[in-house]
């Protein structure tokens, strides 16, 4: 059985994700085989917050030039954006970033 830390890999810190902090949306890289229910339970367990919505997207790897013949490729991964309830506390991990 997977633990919460197996489901959530890392937070995603970009300009777009920092703008969404005001409306309590947070972005994470998650395990490729994790579903929305597992992601919701993992976020609630790790951070002690109330999640009301989870959206996921499979991010495909990009082609990379490696010089001549063999074309390289970056790894594919899964992204989840979670929306917290209005009365829920903020996630401290993102506090100093915005």
N, C-alpha and C. Protein backbone atom coordinates (compact mmCIF):
# COMPACT_ATOMS: atom_id res chain seq x y z
N UNK A 1 0.84 -1.19 0.00
CA UNK A 1 0.00 0.00 0.00
C UNK A 1 0.88 1.25 0.00
N UNK A 2 0.47 2.25 -0.77
CA UNK A 2 1.23 3.48 -0.89
C UNK A 2 0.96 4.39 0.30
N UNK A 3 2.00 5.07 0.74
CA UNK A 3 1.83 6.09 1.77
C UNK A 3 1.57 7.43 1.09
N UNK A 4 1.23 8.43 1.88
CA UNK A 4 0.97 9.77 1.33
C UNK A 4 2.22 10.34 0.67
N UNK A 5 3.38 9.99 1.21
CA UNK A 5 4.63 10.52 0.66
C UNK A 5 5.04 9.81 -0.63
N UNK A 6 4.45 8.65 -0.92
CA UNK A 6 4.68 8.00 -2.21
C UNK A 6 3.82 8.64 -3.30
N UNK A 7 2.68 9.20 -2.92
CA UNK A 7 1.76 9.82 -3.88
C UNK A 7 2.25 11.22 -4.26
N UNK A 8 2.59 12.04 -3.28
CA UNK A 8 3.04 13.41 -3.53
C UNK A 8 4.56 13.41 -3.66
N UNK A 9 5.07 13.82 -4.83
CA UNK A 9 6.50 13.78 -5.07
C UNK A 9 7.16 15.12 -4.68
N UNK A 10 6.64 16.23 -5.21
CA UNK A 10 7.24 17.54 -4.91
C UNK A 10 6.24 18.64 -5.26
N UNK A 11 6.40 19.82 -4.65
CA UNK A 11 5.57 20.96 -5.06
C UNK A 11 6.11 21.55 -6.35
N UNK A 12 5.25 22.18 -7.10
CA UNK A 12 5.66 22.84 -8.34
C UNK A 12 5.61 24.34 -8.09
N UNK A 13 6.75 25.00 -8.24
CA UNK A 13 6.84 26.42 -7.95
C UNK A 13 7.18 27.15 -9.25
N UNK A 14 6.16 27.74 -9.85
CA UNK A 14 6.30 28.51 -11.08
C UNK A 14 5.57 29.84 -10.89
N UNK A 15 5.69 30.72 -11.85
CA UNK A 15 4.99 32.00 -11.76
C UNK A 15 3.48 31.79 -11.72
N UNK A 16 2.98 30.91 -12.57
CA UNK A 16 1.55 30.67 -12.62
C UNK A 16 1.04 30.05 -11.32
N UNK A 17 1.78 29.11 -10.75
CA UNK A 17 1.33 28.49 -9.51
C UNK A 17 1.39 29.47 -8.34
N UNK A 18 2.32 30.43 -8.38
CA UNK A 18 2.41 31.42 -7.31
C UNK A 18 1.25 32.41 -7.38
N UNK A 19 0.76 32.71 -8.58
CA UNK A 19 -0.39 33.60 -8.72
C UNK A 19 -1.67 32.96 -8.19
N UNK A 20 -1.75 31.64 -8.24
CA UNK A 20 -2.95 30.93 -7.78
C UNK A 20 -2.99 30.76 -6.27
N UNK A 21 -1.96 31.15 -5.55
CA UNK A 21 -1.97 31.02 -4.09
C UNK A 21 -3.05 31.87 -3.46
N UNK A 22 -3.40 33.00 -4.09
CA UNK A 22 -4.43 33.88 -3.55
C UNK A 22 -5.80 33.20 -3.49
N UNK A 23 -6.06 32.31 -4.44
CA UNK A 23 -7.35 31.61 -4.45
C UNK A 23 -7.22 30.19 -3.90
N UNK A 24 -6.12 29.95 -3.17
CA UNK A 24 -5.86 28.69 -2.48
C UNK A 24 -5.77 27.50 -3.43
N UNK A 25 -5.04 27.67 -4.52
CA UNK A 25 -4.74 26.58 -5.44
C UNK A 25 -3.25 26.29 -5.36
N UNK A 26 -2.92 25.02 -5.22
CA UNK A 26 -1.53 24.60 -5.07
C UNK A 26 -1.23 23.49 -6.08
N UNK A 27 -0.03 23.52 -6.67
CA UNK A 27 0.35 22.54 -7.69
C UNK A 27 1.42 21.60 -7.14
N UNK A 28 1.28 20.31 -7.48
CA UNK A 28 2.23 19.30 -7.03
C UNK A 28 2.51 18.32 -8.16
N UNK A 29 3.73 17.78 -8.16
CA UNK A 29 4.02 16.62 -9.01
C UNK A 29 3.63 15.40 -8.20
N UNK A 30 2.88 14.50 -8.83
CA UNK A 30 2.38 13.32 -8.13
C UNK A 30 2.78 12.06 -8.88
N UNK A 31 2.58 10.92 -8.24
CA UNK A 31 2.89 9.64 -8.88
C UNK A 31 2.01 9.45 -10.10
N UNK A 32 2.56 8.84 -11.14
CA UNK A 32 1.82 8.68 -12.40
C UNK A 32 0.59 7.80 -12.25
N UNK A 33 0.61 6.87 -11.30
CA UNK A 33 -0.53 5.97 -11.14
C UNK A 33 -1.49 6.42 -10.05
N UNK A 34 -1.30 7.60 -9.49
CA UNK A 34 -2.18 8.10 -8.43
C UNK A 34 -3.46 8.67 -9.03
N UNK A 35 -4.60 8.40 -8.37
CA UNK A 35 -5.86 8.98 -8.83
C UNK A 35 -6.23 10.17 -7.93
N UNK A 36 -7.34 10.84 -8.26
CA UNK A 36 -7.71 12.06 -7.56
C UNK A 36 -8.04 11.81 -6.09
N UNK A 37 -8.64 10.68 -5.79
CA UNK A 37 -9.00 10.36 -4.40
C UNK A 37 -7.74 10.16 -3.57
N UNK A 38 -6.76 9.43 -4.11
CA UNK A 38 -5.50 9.23 -3.39
C UNK A 38 -4.76 10.55 -3.18
N UNK A 39 -4.78 11.41 -4.18
CA UNK A 39 -4.11 12.71 -4.08
C UNK A 39 -4.77 13.56 -3.00
N UNK A 40 -6.09 13.59 -2.98
CA UNK A 40 -6.82 14.36 -1.97
C UNK A 40 -6.50 13.87 -0.56
N UNK A 41 -6.52 12.57 -0.35
CA UNK A 41 -6.23 12.02 0.97
C UNK A 41 -4.79 12.30 1.39
N UNK A 42 -3.86 12.22 0.44
CA UNK A 42 -2.45 12.46 0.75
C UNK A 42 -2.21 13.91 1.15
N UNK A 43 -2.79 14.86 0.43
CA UNK A 43 -2.62 16.29 0.75
C UNK A 43 -3.23 16.59 2.12
N UNK A 44 -4.42 16.05 2.38
CA UNK A 44 -5.06 16.29 3.67
C UNK A 44 -4.27 15.68 4.82
N UNK A 45 -3.65 14.52 4.59
CA UNK A 45 -2.86 13.86 5.63
C UNK A 45 -1.55 14.59 5.89
N UNK A 46 -0.84 14.99 4.84
CA UNK A 46 0.47 15.60 4.99
C UNK A 46 0.36 17.01 5.57
N UNK A 47 -0.54 17.83 5.03
CA UNK A 47 -0.58 19.25 5.39
C UNK A 47 -1.69 19.61 6.37
N UNK A 48 -2.63 18.71 6.64
CA UNK A 48 -3.70 19.00 7.58
C UNK A 48 -4.65 20.07 7.10
N UNK A 49 -5.02 20.02 5.82
CA UNK A 49 -5.93 21.00 5.23
C UNK A 49 -7.15 20.28 4.67
N UNK A 50 -8.15 21.04 4.21
CA UNK A 50 -9.37 20.47 3.62
C UNK A 50 -9.37 20.76 2.13
N UNK A 51 -9.30 19.71 1.32
CA UNK A 51 -9.27 19.83 -0.14
C UNK A 51 -10.69 19.70 -0.67
N UNK A 52 -11.10 20.63 -1.56
CA UNK A 52 -12.44 20.54 -2.14
C UNK A 52 -12.41 20.11 -3.61
N UNK A 53 -11.26 20.29 -4.30
CA UNK A 53 -11.21 19.93 -5.71
C UNK A 53 -9.79 19.55 -6.10
N UNK A 54 -9.67 18.51 -6.93
CA UNK A 54 -8.37 18.08 -7.46
C UNK A 54 -8.49 17.97 -8.97
N UNK A 55 -7.59 18.61 -9.69
CA UNK A 55 -7.51 18.44 -11.13
C UNK A 55 -6.14 17.87 -11.46
N UNK A 56 -6.07 16.96 -12.43
CA UNK A 56 -4.81 16.33 -12.80
C UNK A 56 -4.58 16.48 -14.29
N UNK A 57 -3.30 16.43 -14.67
CA UNK A 57 -2.92 16.45 -16.07
C UNK A 57 -1.64 15.64 -16.23
N UNK A 58 -1.58 14.85 -17.30
CA UNK A 58 -0.37 14.11 -17.63
C UNK A 58 0.51 15.00 -18.51
N UNK A 59 1.68 15.33 -18.01
CA UNK A 59 2.61 16.19 -18.73
C UNK A 59 3.54 15.29 -19.56
N UNK A 60 3.47 15.42 -20.86
CA UNK A 60 4.27 14.58 -21.74
C UNK A 60 5.70 15.12 -21.80
N UNK A 61 6.66 14.20 -21.95
CA UNK A 61 8.07 14.60 -22.05
C UNK A 61 8.34 15.31 -23.36
N UNK A 62 9.29 16.21 -23.34
CA UNK A 62 9.64 16.98 -24.52
C UNK A 62 10.84 16.37 -25.22
N UNK A 63 10.90 16.50 -26.52
CA UNK A 63 12.05 16.03 -27.29
C UNK A 63 13.23 16.96 -27.05
N UNK A 64 14.39 16.38 -26.87
CA UNK A 64 15.60 17.15 -26.62
C UNK A 64 16.66 16.78 -27.63
N UNK A 65 17.43 17.76 -28.09
CA UNK A 65 18.52 17.49 -29.00
C UNK A 65 19.71 16.97 -28.22
N UNK A 66 20.32 15.93 -28.72
CA UNK A 66 21.50 15.37 -28.06
C UNK A 66 22.71 15.40 -28.97
N UNK A 67 22.66 16.19 -30.00
CA UNK A 67 23.77 16.26 -30.93
C UNK A 67 23.34 15.74 -32.28
N UNK A 68 23.75 14.52 -32.61
CA UNK A 68 23.48 14.01 -33.94
C UNK A 68 22.30 13.06 -33.98
N UNK A 69 22.53 11.78 -33.92
CA UNK A 69 21.51 10.80 -34.29
C UNK A 69 20.43 10.54 -33.25
N UNK A 70 20.71 10.04 -32.06
CA UNK A 70 19.60 9.64 -31.19
C UNK A 70 18.93 10.84 -30.53
N UNK A 71 17.66 11.04 -30.84
CA UNK A 71 16.90 12.14 -30.25
C UNK A 71 16.55 11.76 -28.82
N UNK A 72 16.84 12.63 -27.88
CA UNK A 72 16.54 12.38 -26.48
C UNK A 72 15.14 12.84 -26.12
N UNK A 73 14.72 12.54 -24.89
CA UNK A 73 13.39 12.92 -24.45
C UNK A 73 13.40 13.08 -22.93
N UNK A 74 12.76 14.13 -22.43
CA UNK A 74 12.64 14.29 -20.99
C UNK A 74 11.54 13.37 -20.48
N UNK A 75 11.54 13.12 -19.19
CA UNK A 75 10.59 12.18 -18.61
C UNK A 75 9.18 12.77 -18.58
N UNK A 76 8.19 11.91 -18.77
CA UNK A 76 6.79 12.30 -18.61
C UNK A 76 6.45 12.24 -17.13
N UNK A 77 5.49 13.09 -16.68
CA UNK A 77 5.12 13.12 -15.28
C UNK A 77 3.68 13.58 -15.14
N UNK A 78 3.15 13.52 -13.95
CA UNK A 78 1.76 13.88 -13.69
C UNK A 78 1.70 15.05 -12.74
N UNK A 79 0.86 16.03 -13.07
CA UNK A 79 0.70 17.22 -12.23
C UNK A 79 -0.71 17.24 -11.66
N UNK A 80 -0.81 17.66 -10.40
CA UNK A 80 -2.11 17.81 -9.75
C UNK A 80 -2.22 19.22 -9.19
N UNK A 81 -3.36 19.85 -9.41
CA UNK A 81 -3.65 21.15 -8.83
C UNK A 81 -4.79 20.95 -7.85
N UNK A 82 -4.55 21.29 -6.58
CA UNK A 82 -5.56 21.09 -5.54
C UNK A 82 -6.09 22.45 -5.10
N UNK A 83 -7.39 22.52 -4.89
CA UNK A 83 -8.04 23.74 -4.39
C UNK A 83 -8.51 23.46 -2.98
N UNK A 84 -8.13 24.35 -2.06
CA UNK A 84 -8.49 24.19 -0.66
C UNK A 84 -9.78 24.95 -0.36
N UNK A 85 -10.47 24.53 0.70
CA UNK A 85 -11.68 25.23 1.11
C UNK A 85 -11.32 26.61 1.66
N UNK A 86 -12.30 27.49 1.68
CA UNK A 86 -12.05 28.88 2.11
C UNK A 86 -11.64 28.96 3.57
N UNK A 87 -12.18 28.07 4.42
CA UNK A 87 -11.86 28.13 5.84
C UNK A 87 -10.62 27.32 6.20
N UNK A 88 -10.00 26.68 5.22
CA UNK A 88 -8.80 25.88 5.47
C UNK A 88 -7.58 26.78 5.60
N UNK A 89 -6.59 26.33 6.36
CA UNK A 89 -5.35 27.11 6.50
C UNK A 89 -4.52 26.97 5.23
N UNK A 90 -3.56 27.89 5.05
CA UNK A 90 -2.67 27.83 3.90
C UNK A 90 -1.59 26.78 4.14
N UNK A 91 -0.99 26.29 3.05
CA UNK A 91 0.11 25.34 3.16
C UNK A 91 1.38 26.13 3.40
N UNK A 92 2.08 25.83 4.51
CA UNK A 92 3.23 26.62 4.92
C UNK A 92 4.39 26.53 3.94
N UNK A 93 4.45 25.45 3.19
CA UNK A 93 5.54 25.22 2.25
C UNK A 93 5.64 26.35 1.22
N UNK A 94 4.50 26.95 0.86
CA UNK A 94 4.46 27.99 -0.17
C UNK A 94 4.46 29.40 0.42
N UNK A 95 4.50 29.57 1.73
CA UNK A 95 4.32 30.87 2.37
C UNK A 95 5.36 31.90 1.95
N UNK A 96 6.64 31.56 2.00
CA UNK A 96 7.69 32.53 1.71
C UNK A 96 7.93 32.77 0.23
N UNK A 97 7.25 32.05 -0.64
CA UNK A 97 7.53 32.12 -2.07
C UNK A 97 6.86 33.31 -2.74
N UNK A 98 5.63 33.61 -2.37
CA UNK A 98 4.85 34.63 -3.10
C UNK A 98 5.21 36.03 -2.68
